[in-house]
PDB file of N, CA and C in Angstrom:
ATOM      1  N   MET A   1      49.205 105.653  65.769  1.00  0.00           N
ATOM      2  CA  MET A   1      50.232 105.068  66.599  1.00  0.00           C
ATOM      3  C   MET A   1      49.733 103.716  67.086  1.00  0.00           C
ATOM      4  N   THR A   2      50.541 102.699  66.981  1.00  0.00           N
ATOM      5  CA  THR A   2      50.154 101.375  67.469  1.00  0.00           C
ATOM      6  C   THR A   2      50.541 101.246  68.932  1.00  0.00           C
ATOM      7  N   ASN A   3      50.081 100.165  69.554  1.00  0.00           N
ATOM      8  CA  ASN A   3      50.395 100.004  70.966  1.00  0.00           C
ATOM      9  C   ASN A   3      51.845  99.631  71.212  1.00  0.00           C
ATOM     10  N   THR A   4      52.628  99.409  70.172  1.00  0.00           N
ATOM     11  CA  THR A   4      54.039  99.093  70.372  1.00  0.00           C
ATOM     12  C   THR A   4      54.944 100.285  70.124  1.00  0.00           C
ATOM     13  N   GLU A   5      54.398 101.364  69.590  1.00  0.00           N
ATOM     14  CA  GLU A   5      55.223 102.542  69.378  1.00  0.00           C
ATOM     15  C   GLU A   5      55.459 103.246  70.707  1.00  0.00           C
ATOM     16  N   GLN A   6      56.603 103.882  70.818  1.00  0.00           N
ATOM     17  CA  GLN A   6      56.976 104.539  72.060  1.00  0.00           C
ATOM     18  C   GLN A   6      56.665 106.034  71.989  1.00  0.00           C
ATOM     19  N   LEU A   7      56.232 106.587  73.120  1.00  0.00           N
ATOM     20  CA  LEU A   7      56.036 108.022  73.242  1.00  0.00           C
ATOM     21  C   LEU A   7      57.371 108.653  73.609  1.00  0.00           C
ATOM     22  N   THR A   8      57.445 109.976  73.577  1.00  0.00           N
ATOM     23  CA  THR A   8      58.702 110.653  73.850  1.00  0.00           C
ATOM     24  C   THR A   8      59.199 110.394  75.258  1.00  0.00           C
ATOM     25  N   ASP A   9      58.323 110.144  76.210  1.00  0.00           N
ATOM     26  CA  ASP A   9      58.766 109.894  77.579  1.00  0.00           C
ATOM     27  C   ASP A   9      59.040 108.416  77.832  1.00  0.00           C
ATOM     28  N   GLY A  10      59.041 107.601  76.794  1.00  0.00           N
ATOM     29  CA  GLY A  10      59.384 106.197  76.922  1.00  0.00           C
ATOM     30  C   GLY A  10      58.233 105.311  77.341  1.00  0.00           C
ATOM     31  N   LEU A  11      57.032 105.843  77.411  1.00  0.00           N
ATOM     32  CA  LEU A  11      55.881 105.041  77.807  1.00  0.00           C
ATOM     33  C   LEU A  11      55.189 104.471  76.581  1.00  0.00           C
ATOM     34  N   LYS A  12      54.619 103.315  76.733  1.00  0.00           N
ATOM     35  CA  LYS A  12      53.886 102.660  75.668  1.00  0.00           C
ATOM     36  C   LYS A  12      52.530 103.340  75.506  1.00  0.00           C
ATOM     37  N   SER A  13      52.085 103.517  74.287  1.00  0.00           N
ATOM     38  CA  SER A  13      50.778 104.115  74.044  1.00  0.00           C
ATOM     39  C   SER A  13      49.684 103.197  74.554  1.00  0.00           C
ATOM     40  N   ILE A  14      48.687 103.781  75.169  1.00  0.00           N
ATOM     41  CA  ILE A  14      47.596 102.991  75.751  1.00  0.00           C
ATOM     42  C   ILE A  14      46.431 102.829  74.782  1.00  0.00           C
ATOM     43  N   THR A  15      46.444 103.546  73.677  1.00  0.00           N
ATOM     44  CA  THR A  15      45.285 103.558  72.784  1.00  0.00           C
ATOM     45  C   THR A  15      45.021 102.223  72.112  1.00  0.00           C
ATOM     46  N   GLY A  16      46.003 101.372  71.996  1.00  0.00           N
ATOM     47  CA  GLY A  16      45.790 100.104  71.319  1.00  0.00           C
ATOM     48  C   GLY A  16      45.898  98.896  72.230  1.00  0.00           C
ATOM     49  N   LEU A  17      45.663  99.067  73.515  1.00  0.00           N
ATOM     50  CA  LEU A  17      45.809  97.965  74.450  1.00  0.00           C
ATOM     51  C   LEU A  17      44.749  96.890  74.234  1.00  0.00           C
ATOM     52  N   THR A  18      45.171  95.669  74.431  1.00  0.00           N
ATOM     53  CA  THR A  18      44.217  94.565  74.425  1.00  0.00           C
ATOM     54  C   THR A  18      43.499  94.551  75.767  1.00  0.00           C
ATOM     55  N   ASP A  19      42.455  93.761  75.879  1.00  0.00           N
ATOM     56  CA  ASP A  19      41.744  93.641  77.156  1.00  0.00           C
ATOM     57  C   ASP A  19      42.670  93.140  78.258  1.00  0.00           C
ATOM     58  N   GLN A  20      43.542  92.217  77.923  1.00  0.00           N
ATOM     59  CA  GLN A  20      44.476  91.662  78.908  1.00  0.00           C
ATOM     60  C   GLN A  20      45.452  92.745  79.392  1.00  0.00           C
ATOM     61  N   GLU A  21      45.971  93.554  78.468  1.00  0.00           N
ATOM     62  CA  GLU A  21      46.887  94.619  78.855  1.00  0.00           C
ATOM     63  C   GLU A  21      46.172  95.666  79.700  1.00  0.00           C
ATOM     64  N   TYR A  22      44.918  95.975  79.342  1.00  0.00           N
ATOM     65  CA  TYR A  22      44.147  96.947  80.109  1.00  0.00           C
ATOM     66  C   TYR A  22      43.886  96.435  81.526  1.00  0.00           C
ATOM     67  N   GLU A  23      43.600  95.139  81.648  1.00  0.00           N
ATOM     68  CA  GLU A  23      43.393  94.550  82.974  1.00  0.00           C
ATOM     69  C   GLU A  23      44.678  94.620  83.802  1.00  0.00           C
ATOM     70  N   ALA A  24      45.823  94.406  83.156  1.00  0.00           N
ATOM     71  CA  ALA A  24      47.105  94.501  83.864  1.00  0.00           C
ATOM     72  C   ALA A  24      47.335  95.931  84.355  1.00  0.00           C
ATOM     73  N   LEU A  25      46.991  96.909  83.526  1.00  0.00           N
ATOM     74  CA  LEU A  25      47.120  98.312  83.930  1.00  0.00           C
ATOM     75  C   LEU A  25      46.181  98.611  85.089  1.00  0.00           C
ATOM     76  N   SER A  26      44.965  98.106  85.024  1.00  0.00           N
ATOM     77  CA  SER A  26      44.005  98.304  86.108  1.00  0.00           C
ATOM     78  C   SER A  26      44.518  97.696  87.406  1.00  0.00           C
ATOM     79  N   ALA A  27      45.123  96.514  87.320  1.00  0.00           N
ATOM     80  CA  ALA A  27      45.688  95.871  88.504  1.00  0.00           C
ATOM     81  C   ALA A  27      46.822  96.707  89.081  1.00  0.00           C
ATOM     82  N   ALA A  28      47.644  97.277  88.215  1.00  0.00           N
ATOM     83  CA  ALA A  28      48.732  98.135  88.680  1.00  0.00           C
ATOM     84  C   ALA A  28      48.181  99.367  89.391  1.00  0.00           C
ATOM     85  N   LEU A  29      47.102  99.920  88.856  1.00  0.00           N
ATOM     86  CA  LEU A  29      46.470 101.070  89.512  1.00  0.00           C
ATOM     87  C   LEU A  29      45.941 100.691  90.895  1.00  0.00           C
ATOM     88  N   ALA A  30      45.359  99.519  91.000  1.00  0.00           N
ATOM     89  CA  ALA A  30      44.844  99.067  92.286  1.00  0.00           C
ATOM     90  C   ALA A  30      45.969  98.939  93.311  1.00  0.00           C
ATOM     91  N   LYS A  31      47.115  98.437  92.882  1.00  0.00           N
ATOM     92  CA  LYS A  31      48.263  98.330  93.783  1.00  0.00           C
ATOM     93  C   LYS A  31      48.763  99.705  94.207  1.00  0.00           C
ATOM     94  N   MET A  32      48.703 100.674  93.289  1.00  0.00           N
ATOM     95  CA  MET A  32      49.180 102.022  93.611  1.00  0.00           C
ATOM     96  C   MET A  32      48.288 102.700  94.639  1.00  0.00           C
ATOM     97  N   ARG A  33      47.048 102.319  94.702  1.00  0.00           N
ATOM     98  CA  ARG A  33      46.117 102.950  95.629  1.00  0.00           C
ATOM     99  C   ARG A  33      46.408 102.576  97.076  1.00  0.00           C
ATOM    100  N   ALA A  34      46.970 101.423  97.313  1.00  0.00           N
ATOM    101  CA  ALA A  34      47.117 100.900  98.662  1.00  0.00           C
ATOM    102  C   ALA A  34      48.353 101.389  99.428  1.00  0.00           C
ATOM    103  N   PRO A  35      49.546 101.409  98.850  1.00  0.00           N
ATOM    104  CA  PRO A  35      50.737 101.639  99.676  1.00  0.00           C
ATOM    105  C   PRO A  35      50.886 103.076 100.149  1.00  0.00           C
ATOM    106  N   LYS A  36      51.514 103.187 101.313  1.00  0.00           N
ATOM    107  CA  LYS A  36      51.910 104.499 101.834  1.00  0.00           C
ATOM    108  C   LYS A  36      53.321 104.768 101.337  1.00  0.00           C
ATOM    109  N   VAL A  37      53.597 106.008 101.016  1.00  0.00           N
ATOM    110  CA  VAL A  37      54.876 106.375 100.408  1.00  0.00           C
ATOM    111  C   VAL A  37      55.782 107.011 101.446  1.00  0.00           C
ATOM    112  N   GLU A  38      57.019 106.556 101.486  1.00  0.00           N
ATOM    113  CA  GLU A  38      58.025 107.174 102.338  1.00  0.00           C
ATOM    114  C   GLU A  38      58.410 108.522 101.750  1.00  0.00           C
ATOM    115  N   ALA A  39      58.847 109.446 102.580  1.00  0.00           N
ATOM    116  CA  ALA A  39      59.163 110.808 102.138  1.00  0.00           C
ATOM    117  C   ALA A  39      60.208 110.816 101.027  1.00  0.00           C
ATOM    118  N   GLY A  40      61.217 109.964 101.092  1.00  0.00           N
ATOM    119  CA  GLY A  40      62.266 109.939 100.088  1.00  0.00           C
ATOM    120  C   GLY A  40      61.814 109.402  98.746  1.00  0.00           C
ATOM    121  N   ASP A  41      60.733 108.644  98.729  1.00  0.00           N
ATOM    122  CA  ASP A  41      60.231 108.052  97.498  1.00  0.00           C
ATOM    123  C   ASP A  41      59.141 108.881  96.837  1.00  0.00           C
ATOM    124  N   SER A  42      58.741 109.981  97.435  1.00  0.00           N
ATOM    125  CA  SER A  42      57.591 110.722  96.921  1.00  0.00           C
ATOM    126  C   SER A  42      57.827 111.276  95.521  1.00  0.00           C
ATOM    127  N   GLY A  43      59.053 111.666  95.178  1.00  0.00           N
ATOM    128  CA  GLY A  43      59.337 112.184  93.843  1.00  0.00           C
ATOM    129  C   GLY A  43      59.165 111.116  92.775  1.00  0.00           C
ATOM    130  N   VAL A  44      59.684 109.940  93.040  1.00  0.00           N
ATOM    131  CA  VAL A  44      59.553 108.824  92.102  1.00  0.00           C
ATOM    132  C   VAL A  44      58.097 108.406  92.006  1.00  0.00           C
ATOM    133  N   HIS A  45      57.427 108.323  93.133  1.00  0.00           N
ATOM    134  CA  HIS A  45      56.028 107.917  93.160  1.00  0.00           C
ATOM    135  C   HIS A  45      55.168 108.928  92.402  1.00  0.00           C
ATOM    136  N   SER A  46      55.445 110.202  92.580  1.00  0.00           N
ATOM    137  CA  SER A  46      54.697 111.253  91.894  1.00  0.00           C
ATOM    138  C   SER A  46      54.877 111.166  90.377  1.00  0.00           C
ATOM    139  N   LYS A  47      56.094 110.884  89.934  1.00  0.00           N
ATOM    140  CA  LYS A  47      56.347 110.724  88.498  1.00  0.00           C
ATOM    141  C   LYS A  47      55.599 109.523  87.940  1.00  0.00           C
ATOM    142  N   MET A  48      55.556 108.445  88.711  1.00  0.00           N
ATOM    143  CA  MET A  48      54.847 107.256  88.271  1.00  0.00           C
ATOM    144  C   MET A  48      53.346 107.540  88.167  1.00  0.00           C
ATOM    145  N   LEU A  49      52.797 108.203  89.174  1.00  0.00           N
ATOM    146  CA  LEU A  49      51.383 108.557  89.136  1.00  0.00           C
ATOM    147  C   LEU A  49      51.075 109.457  87.950  1.00  0.00           C
ATOM    148  N   SER A  50      51.942 110.408  87.692  1.00  0.00           N
ATOM    149  CA  SER A  50      51.755 111.327  86.573  1.00  0.00           C
ATOM    150  C   SER A  50      51.793 110.589  85.236  1.00  0.00           C
ATOM    151  N   ALA A  51      52.697 109.644  85.102  1.00  0.00           N
ATOM    152  CA  ALA A  51      52.803 108.875  83.860  1.00  0.00           C
ATOM    153  C   ALA A  51      51.550 108.022  83.630  1.00  0.00           C
ATOM    154  N   VAL A  52      51.068 107.390  84.685  1.00  0.00           N
ATOM    155  CA  VAL A  52      49.854 106.577  84.555  1.00  0.00           C
ATOM    156  C   VAL A  52      48.665 107.468  84.239  1.00  0.00           C
ATOM    157  N   ARG A  53      48.590 108.629  84.907  1.00  0.00           N
ATOM    158  CA  ARG A  53      47.493 109.565  84.651  1.00  0.00           C
ATOM    159  C   ARG A  53      47.501 110.006  83.189  1.00  0.00           C
ATOM    160  N   HIS A  54      48.683 110.291  82.666  1.00  0.00           N
ATOM    161  CA  HIS A  54      48.818 110.710  81.268  1.00  0.00           C
ATOM    162  C   HIS A  54      48.295 109.620  80.327  1.00  0.00           C
ATOM    163  N   GLN A  55      48.643 108.386  80.608  1.00  0.00           N
ATOM    164  CA  GLN A  55      48.205 107.277  79.763  1.00  0.00           C
ATOM    165  C   GLN A  55      46.688 107.091  79.826  1.00  0.00           C
ATOM    166  N   LEU A  56      46.126 107.217  81.022  1.00  0.00           N
ATOM    167  CA  LEU A  56      44.668 107.089  81.152  1.00  0.00           C
ATOM    168  C   LEU A  56      43.954 108.232  80.435  1.00  0.00           C
ATOM    169  N   GLN A  57      44.501 109.439  80.563  1.00  0.00           N
ATOM    170  CA  GLN A  57      43.903 110.590  79.882  1.00  0.00           C
ATOM    171  C   GLN A  57      43.959 110.406  78.375  1.00  0.00           C
ATOM    172  N   GLN A  58      45.070 109.865  77.882  1.00  0.00           N
ATOM    173  CA  GLN A  58      45.209 109.616  76.448  1.00  0.00           C
ATOM    174  C   GLN A  58      44.176 108.586  75.980  1.00  0.00           C
ATOM    175  N   ARG A  59      43.990 107.550  76.775  1.00  0.00           N
ATOM    176  CA  ARG A  59      42.988 106.526  76.423  1.00  0.00           C
ATOM    177  C   ARG A  59      41.588 107.134  76.409  1.00  0.00           C
ATOM    178  N   LEU A  60      41.287 107.981  77.369  1.00  0.00           N
ATOM    179  CA  LEU A  60      39.982 108.636  77.431  1.00  0.00           C
ATOM    180  C   LEU A  60      39.788 109.566  76.240  1.00  0.00           C
ATOM    181  N   ASN A  61      40.805 110.337  75.909  1.00  0.00           N
ATOM    182  CA  ASN A  61      40.713 111.283  74.793  1.00  0.00           C
ATOM    183  C   ASN A  61      40.549 110.583  73.452  1.00  0.00           C
ATOM    184  N   ASN A  62      41.126 109.404  73.305  1.00  0.00           N
ATOM    185  CA  ASN A  62      41.049 108.653  72.050  1.00  0.00           C
ATOM    186  C   ASN A  62      40.062 107.493  72.163  1.00  0.00           C
ATOM    187  N   GLY A  63      39.121 107.600  73.077  1.00  0.00           N
ATOM    188  CA  GLY A  63      38.265 106.471  73.387  1.00  0.00           C
ATOM    189  C   GLY A  63      36.892 106.509  72.777  1.00  0.00           C
ATOM    190  N   SER A  64      36.794 106.818  71.497  1.00  0.00           N
ATOM    191  CA  SER A  64      35.482 106.825  70.856  1.00  0.00           C
ATOM    192  C   SER A  64      34.840 105.441  70.866  1.00  0.00           C
ATOM    193  N   HIS A  65      35.652 104.412  71.004  1.00  0.00           N
ATOM    194  CA  HIS A  65      35.157 103.041  71.035  1.00  0.00           C
ATOM    195  C   HIS A  65      34.838 102.559  72.451  1.00  0.00           C
ATOM    196  N   LEU A  66      35.083 103.391  73.462  1.00  0.00           N
ATOM    197  CA  LEU A  66      34.842 102.996  74.843  1.00  0.00           C
ATOM    198  C   LEU A  66      33.369 103.130  75.210  1.00  0.00           C
ATOM    199  N   SER A  67      32.908 102.255  76.072  1.00  0.00           N
ATOM    200  CA  SER A  67      31.534 102.359  76.569  1.00  0.00           C
ATOM    201  C   SER A  67      31.468 103.491  77.605  1.00  0.00           C
ATOM    202  N   ASP A  68      30.254 103.898  77.921  1.00  0.00           N
ATOM    203  CA  ASP A  68      30.080 104.946  78.930  1.00  0.00           C
ATOM    204  C   ASP A  68      30.625 104.504  80.279  1.00  0.00           C
ATOM    205  N   ASP A  69      30.464 103.226  80.618  1.00  0.00           N
ATOM    206  CA  ASP A  69      30.993 102.717  81.886  1.00  0.00           C
ATOM    207  C   ASP A  69      32.517 102.795  81.927  1.00  0.00           C
ATOM    208  N   GLU A  70      33.160 102.442  80.802  1.00  0.00           N
ATOM    209  CA  GLU A  70      34.628 102.521  80.737  1.00  0.00           C
ATOM    210  C   GLU A  70      35.097 103.961  80.855  1.00  0.00           C
ATOM    211  N   LYS A  71      34.401 104.886  80.192  1.00  0.00           N
ATOM    212  CA  LYS A  71      34.766 106.304  80.279  1.00  0.00           C
ATOM    213  C   LYS A  71      34.608 106.811  81.706  1.00  0.00           C
ATOM    214  N   THR A  72      33.524 106.406  82.362  1.00  0.00           N
ATOM    215  CA  THR A  72      33.304 106.818  83.746  1.00  0.00           C
ATOM    216  C   THR A  72      34.402 106.285  84.655  1.00  0.00           C
ATOM    217  N   LYS A  73      34.786 105.022  84.463  1.00  0.00           N
ATOM    218  CA  LYS A  73      35.858 104.438  85.272  1.00  0.00           C
ATOM    219  C   LYS A  73      37.175 105.162  85.033  1.00  0.00           C
ATOM    220  N   LEU A  74      37.481 105.469  83.784  1.00  0.00           N
ATOM    221  CA  LEU A  74      38.712 106.201  83.487  1.00  0.00           C
ATOM    222  C   LEU A  74      38.711 107.566  84.159  1.00  0.00           C
ATOM    223  N   MET A  75      37.579 108.285  84.079  1.00  0.00           N
ATOM    224  CA  MET A  75      37.507 109.604  84.715  1.00  0.00           C
ATOM    225  C   MET A  75      37.662 109.484  86.225  1.00  0.00           C
ATOM    226  N   HIS A  76      37.082 108.447  86.815  1.00  0.00           N
ATOM    227  CA  HIS A  76      37.227 108.228  88.256  1.00  0.00           C
ATOM    228  C   HIS A  76      38.694 107.953  88.604  1.00  0.00           C
ATOM    229  N   ASP A  77      39.351 107.086  87.818  1.00  0.00           N
ATOM    230  CA  ASP A  77      40.756 106.768  88.072  1.00  0.00           C
ATOM    231  C   ASP A  77      41.648 107.992  87.924  1.00  0.00           C
ATOM    232  N   ILE A  78      41.361 108.829  86.931  1.00  0.00           N
ATOM    233  CA  ILE A  78      42.139 110.056  86.730  1.00  0.00           C
ATOM    234  C   ILE A  78      41.954 110.995  87.924  1.00  0.00           C
ATOM    235  N   ALA A  79      40.722 111.148  88.379  1.00  0.00           N
ATOM    236  CA  ALA A  79      40.458 112.006  89.535  1.00  0.00           C
ATOM    237  C   ALA A  79      41.166 111.483  90.783  1.00  0.00           C
ATOM    238  N   GLU A  80      41.156 110.163  90.964  1.00  0.00           N
ATOM    239  CA  GLU A  80      41.833 109.557  92.109  1.00  0.00           C
ATOM    240  C   GLU A  80      43.343 109.785  92.033  1.00  0.00           C
ATOM    241  N   LEU A  81      43.911 109.661  90.838  1.00  0.00           N
ATOM    242  CA  LEU A  81      45.344 109.926  90.669  1.00  0.00           C
ATOM    243  C   LEU A  81      45.673 111.393  90.956  1.00  0.00           C
ATOM    244  N   ASP A  82      44.808 112.295  90.484  1.00  0.00           N
ATOM    245  CA  ASP A  82      45.010 113.716  90.785  1.00  0.00           C
ATOM    246  C   ASP A  82      45.022 113.962  92.286  1.00  0.00           C
ATOM    247  N   ARG A  83      44.068 113.341  92.989  1.00  0.00           N
ATOM    248  CA  ARG A  83      43.982 113.518  94.427  1.00  0.00           C
ATOM    249  C   ARG A  83      45.269 113.027  95.097  1.00  0.00           C
ATOM    250  N   LYS A  84      45.756 111.871  94.674  1.00  0.00           N
ATOM    251  CA  LYS A  84      46.979 111.317  95.261  1.00  0.00           C
ATOM    252  C   LYS A  84      48.211 112.164  94.934  1.00  0.00           C
ATOM    253  N   MET A  85      48.277 112.684  93.695  1.00  0.00           N
ATOM    254  CA  MET A  85      49.444 113.491  93.314  1.00  0.00           C
ATOM    255  C   MET A  85      49.503 114.783  94.121  1.00  0.00           C
ATOM    256  N   TYR A  86      48.341 115.403  94.352  1.00  0.00           N
ATOM    257  CA  TYR A  86      48.334 116.653  95.105  1.00  0.00           C
ATOM    258  C   TYR A  86      48.497 116.419  96.592  1.00  0.00           C
ATOM    259  N   ALA A  87      48.290 115.184  97.061  1.00  0.00           N
ATOM    260  CA  ALA A  87      48.475 114.866  98.467  1.00  0.00           C
ATOM    261  C   ALA A  87      49.955 114.654  98.797  1.00  0.00           C
ATOM    262  N   LEU A  88      50.777 114.354  97.784  1.00  0.00           N
ATOM    263  CA  LEU A  88      52.212 114.086  98.032  1.00  0.00           C
ATOM    264  C   LEU A  88      52.968 115.336  98.371  1.00  0.00           C
TER     265      LEU A  88
END
């Protein structure tokens, strides 16, 4: 699957991201860490967190080319997303 093919849930595959696209995803994750969520938005926010978590997990699972530092960062980000999803 190339990075332009779509998954069934409409998300772009993360396995073929360029460094620039990966940095953009990392920046989006950083923004997600900061805001507080209103009660009415928690369902949408939870779906967004779940979608990002899925993409990071996919990158980790298909990441034979990733360095140990990148794998560690991905695992940390996934754990942080899990913590946030269960807190909602």
